[in-house]
Amino acid sequence: MLRPRRKSLTLPFSMFNARSKAPASKILDIDSADKDNDHATVEYVENMYTFYKEVEFDLSPETFYLTISIIGRFLSLNQGPSWPDFGKKKLK
């Protein structure tokens, strides 16, 4: 069963681009209490954060090929006459 479409809501873009008027607060150092704890490895925290920030959006080859396979299977399906023709031949 199809749902009726809602009216589109238009908002001014300045609302999304506006910055907060609150001053930027300092980042709380949550590892300062563990400086004397040998098991906490506080000296490596900044390196770990830097590393994980860099690899956060890296795409491994397995994920890439799985994504291509799923998209290829989707495009090879015949969805009926109302579905636009996004076949593999048209994309090449």
Protein backbone atom coordinates (compact mmCIF):
# COMPACT_ATOMS: atom_id res chain seq x y z
CA MET A 1 0.00 0.00 0.00
CA LEU A 2 1.38 3.37 -0.96
CA ARG A 3 1.55 6.13 1.59
CA PRO A 4 0.46 9.62 0.59
CA ARG A 5 3.37 11.99 0.01
CA ARG A 6 4.00 14.63 2.59
CA LYS A 7 4.40 18.22 1.60
CA SER A 8 8.05 19.14 1.27
CA LEU A 9 9.29 21.41 3.99
CA THR A 10 11.61 24.19 2.91
CA LEU A 11 13.93 25.68 5.47
CA PRO A 12 16.38 28.53 5.08
CA PHE A 13 19.93 27.26 4.61
CA SER A 14 21.31 29.85 6.99
CA MET A 15 19.68 27.86 9.77
CA PHE A 16 21.96 24.90 9.02
CA ASN A 17 25.11 26.95 8.51
CA ALA A 18 24.79 29.06 11.65
CA ARG A 19 27.40 28.50 14.33
CA SER A 20 26.69 28.21 17.99
CA LYS A 21 27.06 31.43 19.96
CA ALA A 22 28.55 29.51 22.88
CA PRO A 23 32.35 29.72 23.03
CA ALA A 24 34.26 26.59 22.14
CA SER A 25 35.17 24.90 25.41
CA LYS A 26 38.47 23.18 26.04
CA ILE A 27 38.54 19.45 25.47
CA LEU A 28 38.57 17.58 28.75
CA ASP A 29 41.63 15.34 29.14
CA ILE A 30 40.04 12.15 30.44
CA ASP A 31 43.40 10.37 30.60
CA SER A 32 45.09 12.79 32.99
CA ALA A 33 44.09 10.70 36.02
CA ASP A 34 45.86 7.63 34.59
CA LYS A 35 49.30 9.18 34.07
CA ASP A 36 50.83 7.10 36.88
CA ASN A 37 49.04 3.88 35.88
CA ASP A 38 51.46 1.68 33.91
CA HIS A 39 48.66 -0.48 32.54
CA ALA A 40 46.71 2.43 31.02
CA THR A 41 49.37 3.28 28.39
CA VAL A 42 48.34 6.93 28.38
CA GLU A 43 51.38 7.94 26.33
CA TYR A 44 49.96 6.06 23.32
CA VAL A 45 46.46 7.55 23.41
CA GLU A 46 47.17 10.43 21.02
CA ASN A 47 48.85 8.10 18.53
CA MET A 48 45.89 5.70 18.68
CA TYR A 49 43.39 8.50 18.11
CA THR A 50 45.42 9.79 15.16
CA PHE A 51 45.68 6.31 13.63
CA TYR A 52 41.98 5.50 13.98
CA LYS A 53 40.99 8.91 12.63
CA GLU A 54 43.06 8.21 9.49
CA VAL A 55 41.75 4.68 8.88
CA GLU A 56 38.15 5.41 9.85
CA PHE A 57 36.98 5.75 6.26
CA ASP A 58 39.45 3.48 4.52
CA LEU A 59 37.72 0.93 2.34
CA SER A 60 39.25 -2.53 2.50
CA PRO A 61 39.38 -4.51 -0.76
CA GLU A 62 36.96 -7.11 0.62
CA THR A 63 34.38 -4.45 1.44
CA PHE A 64 34.86 -2.81 -1.95
CA TYR A 65 34.34 -6.06 -3.91
CA LEU A 66 31.36 -7.02 -1.73
CA THR A 67 29.76 -3.63 -2.42
CA ILE A 68 30.35 -3.95 -6.17
CA SER A 69 28.88 -7.48 -6.10
CA ILE A 70 25.73 -6.33 -4.28
CA ILE A 71 25.26 -3.39 -6.66
CA GLY A 72 25.79 -5.69 -9.67
CA ARG A 73 23.20 -8.16 -8.40
CA PHE A 74 20.74 -5.33 -7.80
CA LEU A 75 21.25 -3.94 -11.30
CA SER A 76 20.83 -7.36 -12.91
CA LEU A 77 17.34 -7.82 -11.42
CA ASN A 78 14.38 -7.10 -13.65
CA GLN A 79 12.22 -4.85 -11.50
CA GLY A 80 9.30 -4.54 -13.91
CA PRO A 81 8.14 -2.04 -16.53
CA SER A 82 7.87 0.91 -14.15
CA TRP A 83 11.48 0.57 -13.04
CA PRO A 84 13.97 2.67 -15.04
CA ASP A 85 16.50 0.73 -17.08
CA PHE A 86 19.73 0.96 -15.08
CA GLY A 87 21.19 -2.19 -16.61
CA LYS A 88 24.89 -2.94 -16.76
CA LYS A 89 24.98 -2.29 -20.52
CA LYS A 90 23.71 1.24 -20.02
CA LEU A 91 26.32 1.98 -17.35
CA LYS A 92 29.30 0.87 -19.46
